[in-house]
Protein backbone atom coordinates (compact mmCIF):
# COMPACT_ATOMS: atom_id res chain seq x y z
CA UNK A 1 0.00 0.00 0.00
CA UNK A 2 2.75 2.48 0.91
CA UNK A 3 4.33 2.16 -2.53
CA UNK A 4 1.00 2.44 -4.35
CA UNK A 5 0.01 5.63 -2.51
CA UNK A 6 3.47 7.09 -3.10
CA UNK A 7 3.16 6.37 -6.83
CA UNK A 8 -0.32 7.90 -6.97
CA UNK A 9 0.97 11.14 -5.45
CA UNK A 10 4.00 11.23 -7.73
CA UNK A 11 1.91 10.52 -10.83
CA UNK A 12 -0.42 13.33 -9.84
CA UNK A 13 2.45 15.76 -9.39
CA UNK A 14 1.48 16.26 -5.76
CA UNK A 15 5.08 15.70 -4.61
CA UNK A 16 7.72 18.16 -5.73
CA UNK A 17 11.45 18.06 -4.97
CA UNK A 18 13.72 21.10 -4.92
CA UNK A 19 16.95 20.20 -3.11
CA UNK A 20 18.83 23.07 -4.74
CA UNK A 21 16.25 25.69 -3.64
CA UNK A 22 14.38 24.39 -0.57
CA UNK A 23 10.77 25.22 0.23
CA UNK A 24 9.91 26.99 3.48
CA UNK A 25 7.19 25.28 5.48
CA UNK A 26 4.78 27.13 7.77
CA UNK A 27 6.86 25.79 10.68
CA UNK A 28 9.88 27.65 9.27
CA UNK A 29 11.71 24.44 8.32
CA UNK A 30 13.61 24.61 5.01
CA UNK A 31 12.74 21.48 3.07
CA UNK A 32 13.73 19.94 -0.27
CA UNK A 33 10.28 18.30 -0.55
CA UNK A 34 6.77 19.69 -0.80
CA UNK A 35 3.66 17.54 -0.92
CA UNK A 36 0.35 19.06 -2.01
CA UNK A 37 -2.28 16.42 -1.28
CA UNK A 38 -5.03 18.92 -2.10
CA UNK A 39 -4.54 17.87 -5.72
CA UNK A 40 -6.28 14.61 -4.81
CA UNK A 41 -9.55 16.55 -4.63
CA UNK A 42 -9.45 16.99 -8.39
CA UNK A 43 -8.36 13.45 -9.26
CA UNK A 44 -11.23 10.95 -8.99
CA UNK A 45 -9.14 7.77 -9.17
CA UNK A 46 -6.52 9.11 -6.77
CA UNK A 47 -9.02 10.19 -4.15
CA UNK A 48 -10.88 6.87 -4.43
CA UNK A 49 -7.64 4.99 -3.83
CA UNK A 50 -6.55 7.08 -0.84
CA UNK A 51 -10.05 7.09 0.67
CA UNK A 52 -10.22 3.29 0.45
CA UNK A 53 -6.77 3.03 2.00
CA UNK A 54 -7.73 5.40 4.82
CA UNK A 55 -10.87 3.38 5.43
CA UNK A 56 -8.83 0.16 5.62
CA UNK A 57 -6.38 1.67 8.11
CA UNK A 58 -9.19 3.03 10.28
CA UNK A 59 -11.11 -0.25 10.32
CA UNK A 60 -8.03 -1.97 11.77
CA UNK A 61 -8.30 0.32 14.80
CA UNK A 62 -11.53 -1.29 15.99
CA UNK A 63 -14.76 0.49 16.86
CA UNK A 64 -14.91 4.16 15.80
CA UNK A 65 -17.85 6.52 16.34
CA UNK A 66 -16.77 9.70 14.56
CA UNK A 67 -14.36 10.75 11.80
CA UNK A 68 -12.75 14.16 12.37
CA UNK A 69 -11.00 16.24 9.74
CA UNK A 70 -8.35 18.87 10.36
CA UNK A 71 -9.00 22.27 8.85
CA UNK A 72 -8.61 22.71 6.08
CA UNK A 73 -6.67 20.03 4.21
CA UNK A 74 -8.02 17.08 6.18
CA UNK A 75 -11.69 18.01 5.73
CA UNK A 76 -12.36 16.51 2.27
CA UNK A 77 -10.57 13.27 3.11
CA UNK A 78 -12.48 12.95 6.38
CA UNK A 79 -15.75 13.58 4.51
CA UNK A 80 -15.05 10.89 1.90
CA UNK A 81 -14.01 8.36 4.56
CA UNK A 82 -17.00 9.13 6.79
CA UNK A 83 -19.29 8.66 3.79
CA UNK A 84 -17.74 5.29 2.88
CA UNK A 85 -17.91 4.10 6.49
CA UNK A 86 -21.37 5.61 7.08
CA UNK A 87 -20.12 7.41 10.18
CA UNK A 88 -20.72 10.91 11.53
CA UNK A 89 -18.10 13.52 10.67
CA UNK A 90 -16.83 16.62 12.41
CA UNK A 91 -14.00 18.98 11.65
CA UNK A 92 -11.68 20.95 13.89
CA UNK A 93 -10.85 24.57 13.12
CA UNK A 94 -7.34 25.91 13.58
CA UNK A 95 -8.90 28.53 15.87
CA UNK A 96 -12.39 29.30 17.15
CA UNK A 97 -14.76 31.26 14.96
CA UNK A 98 -14.84 34.96 15.75
CA UNK A 99 -18.62 35.14 15.39
CA UNK A 100 -21.77 33.13 16.05
CA UNK A 101 -21.23 30.33 18.57
CA UNK A 102 -17.45 30.70 18.23
CA UNK A 103 -17.10 26.98 17.56
CA UNK A 104 -13.72 25.29 17.45
CA UNK A 105 -15.30 21.97 16.47
CA UNK A 106 -17.96 21.91 13.76
CA UNK A 107 -20.49 19.11 13.78
CA UNK A 108 -21.83 17.02 16.64
CA UNK A 109 -19.53 15.26 19.09
CA UNK A 110 -20.85 13.47 22.16
CA UNK A 111 -18.82 12.84 25.30
CA UNK A 112 -17.06 9.46 25.25
CA UNK A 113 -17.28 8.93 21.49
CA UNK A 114 -14.25 7.30 19.87
CA UNK A 115 -12.71 9.57 17.24
CA UNK A 116 -10.14 9.22 14.47
CA UNK A 117 -8.44 12.41 13.29
CA UNK A 118 -7.85 12.43 9.51
CA UNK A 119 -4.96 14.60 8.29
CA UNK A 120 -3.53 14.93 4.80
CA UNK A 121 0.13 15.36 5.79
CA UNK A 122 2.25 15.03 8.92
CA UNK A 123 5.45 17.06 9.09
CA UNK A 124 5.95 18.28 12.66
CA UNK A 125 2.49 16.97 13.59
CA UNK A 126 1.57 20.17 15.42
CA UNK A 127 -1.74 20.85 13.68
CA UNK A 128 -3.06 17.30 13.94
CA UNK A 129 -2.08 16.98 17.60
CA UNK A 130 -3.74 20.33 18.35
CA UNK A 131 -6.92 19.05 16.66
CA UNK A 132 -6.76 15.87 18.74
CA UNK A 133 -6.38 17.94 21.91
CA UNK A 134 -9.47 19.98 20.99
CA UNK A 135 -11.46 16.76 20.52
CA UNK A 136 -10.27 15.45 23.89
CA UNK A 137 -11.16 18.71 25.63
CA UNK A 138 -14.64 18.46 24.09
CA UNK A 139 -15.07 15.02 25.65
CA UNK A 140 -14.14 12.78 22.73
CA UNK A 141 -11.70 9.87 22.96
CA UNK A 142 -9.04 10.09 20.26
CA UNK A 143 -8.11 6.61 19.02
CA UNK A 144 -5.63 7.66 16.33
CA UNK A 145 -4.39 10.28 13.92
CA UNK A 146 -4.37 8.82 10.41
CA UNK A 147 -2.65 10.75 7.60
CA UNK A 148 -1.98 10.17 3.94
CA UNK A 149 1.71 11.08 4.18
CA UNK A 150 4.26 11.43 6.95
CA UNK A 151 7.76 12.85 6.56
CA UNK A 152 8.87 10.89 9.66
CA UNK A 153 10.62 13.93 11.10
CA UNK A 154 12.32 13.62 14.50
CA UNK A 155 10.11 16.30 16.07
CA UNK A 156 7.05 14.18 15.26
CA UNK A 157 8.73 11.05 16.60
CA UNK A 158 9.45 12.90 19.84
CA UNK A 159 5.90 14.18 20.13
CA UNK A 160 4.46 10.72 19.51
CA UNK A 161 6.19 9.37 22.61
CA UNK A 162 3.84 11.29 24.88
CA UNK A 163 0.59 10.62 23.04
CA UNK A 164 -2.00 8.12 24.33
CA UNK A 165 -3.14 7.27 20.81
CA UNK A 166 -1.60 5.98 17.58
CA UNK A 167 -0.23 8.12 14.75
CA UNK A 168 -0.36 6.37 11.37
CA UNK A 169 0.19 7.21 7.70
CA UNK A 170 -0.49 5.52 4.38
CA UNK A 171 2.95 6.29 2.98
CA UNK A 172 6.26 7.65 4.22
CA UNK A 173 9.08 9.97 3.23
CA UNK A 174 11.59 7.22 2.37
CA UNK A 175 9.07 5.34 0.22
CA UNK A 176 8.25 8.48 -1.75
CA UNK A 177 11.95 9.21 -2.34
CA UNK A 178 12.55 5.61 -3.45
CA UNK A 179 9.68 5.74 -5.95
CA UNK A 180 10.77 9.17 -7.19
CA UNK A 181 14.16 7.70 -8.11
CA UNK A 182 12.49 4.79 -9.91
CA UNK A 183 10.40 7.25 -11.91
CA UNK A 184 13.47 9.43 -12.62
CA UNK A 185 11.88 12.38 -10.82
CA UNK A 186 15.07 12.42 -8.76
CA UNK A 187 18.58 11.44 -9.68
CA UNK A 188 20.52 9.21 -7.29
CA UNK A 189 22.58 12.27 -6.32
CA UNK A 190 19.49 14.36 -5.59
CA UNK A 191 17.96 11.51 -3.60
CA UNK A 192 21.06 11.35 -1.42
CA UNK A 193 20.78 15.09 -0.81
CA UNK A 194 17.11 14.76 0.16
CA UNK A 195 17.80 11.83 2.49
CA UNK A 196 20.79 13.68 3.95
CA UNK A 197 18.49 16.60 4.81
CA UNK A 198 16.28 14.29 6.85
CA UNK A 199 19.32 12.67 8.49
CA UNK A 200 20.65 16.11 9.43
CA UNK A 201 17.40 16.88 11.24
CA UNK A 202 17.75 13.63 13.15
CA UNK A 203 21.36 14.43 14.11
CA UNK A 204 20.30 17.88 15.28
CA UNK A 205 17.53 16.35 17.39
CA UNK A 206 19.98 13.86 18.89
CA UNK A 207 22.40 16.66 19.82
CA UNK A 208 19.64 18.65 21.48
CA UNK A 209 18.61 15.58 23.46
CA UNK A 210 22.20 15.04 24.65
CA UNK A 211 22.67 18.68 25.68
CA UNK A 212 19.29 18.82 27.47
CA UNK A 213 19.85 15.59 29.44
């Protein structure tokens, strides 16, 4: 499954590599990779494949009452999955509305309901974890965060250690890089540069852990 999802994203042009001129993420991290899963909205076959894969991953978690999407990129994927699974859906705003009822969570969530958070992409994991916290504070029980892609960054790995729920993804950074080389989207040299970027983040995280211990 990981390889198939990676190929779908590459075929769609959702994944772009720019090791010579890195992208700047909202977190401020300079990255040689950018993944725009919003393109799946416009690709019927691609969204059917990822929705089915998300459904399969969620079903393995056991009983789920509600599917929650993260605003805004996770909302369409959560909607498609909730429809396939015939489950209620909610979505979590990045901040409360400034008018009306000032909702942070849209839709109906009852105390004690088991919830899966659907996210399109996990880099640092901050947005998805914040959404999960909002669900917990509203009385829901978060079973897992399930994303289409994870970059497997060390900051996410560190955050996962303290979470009482699972964090899963359909495909991973290394798989995408491997498939990009096979498709000739990346040369072997470029792939080494991209993988070295990720390794450098891990080394930096390890140094910080040593100096803080």
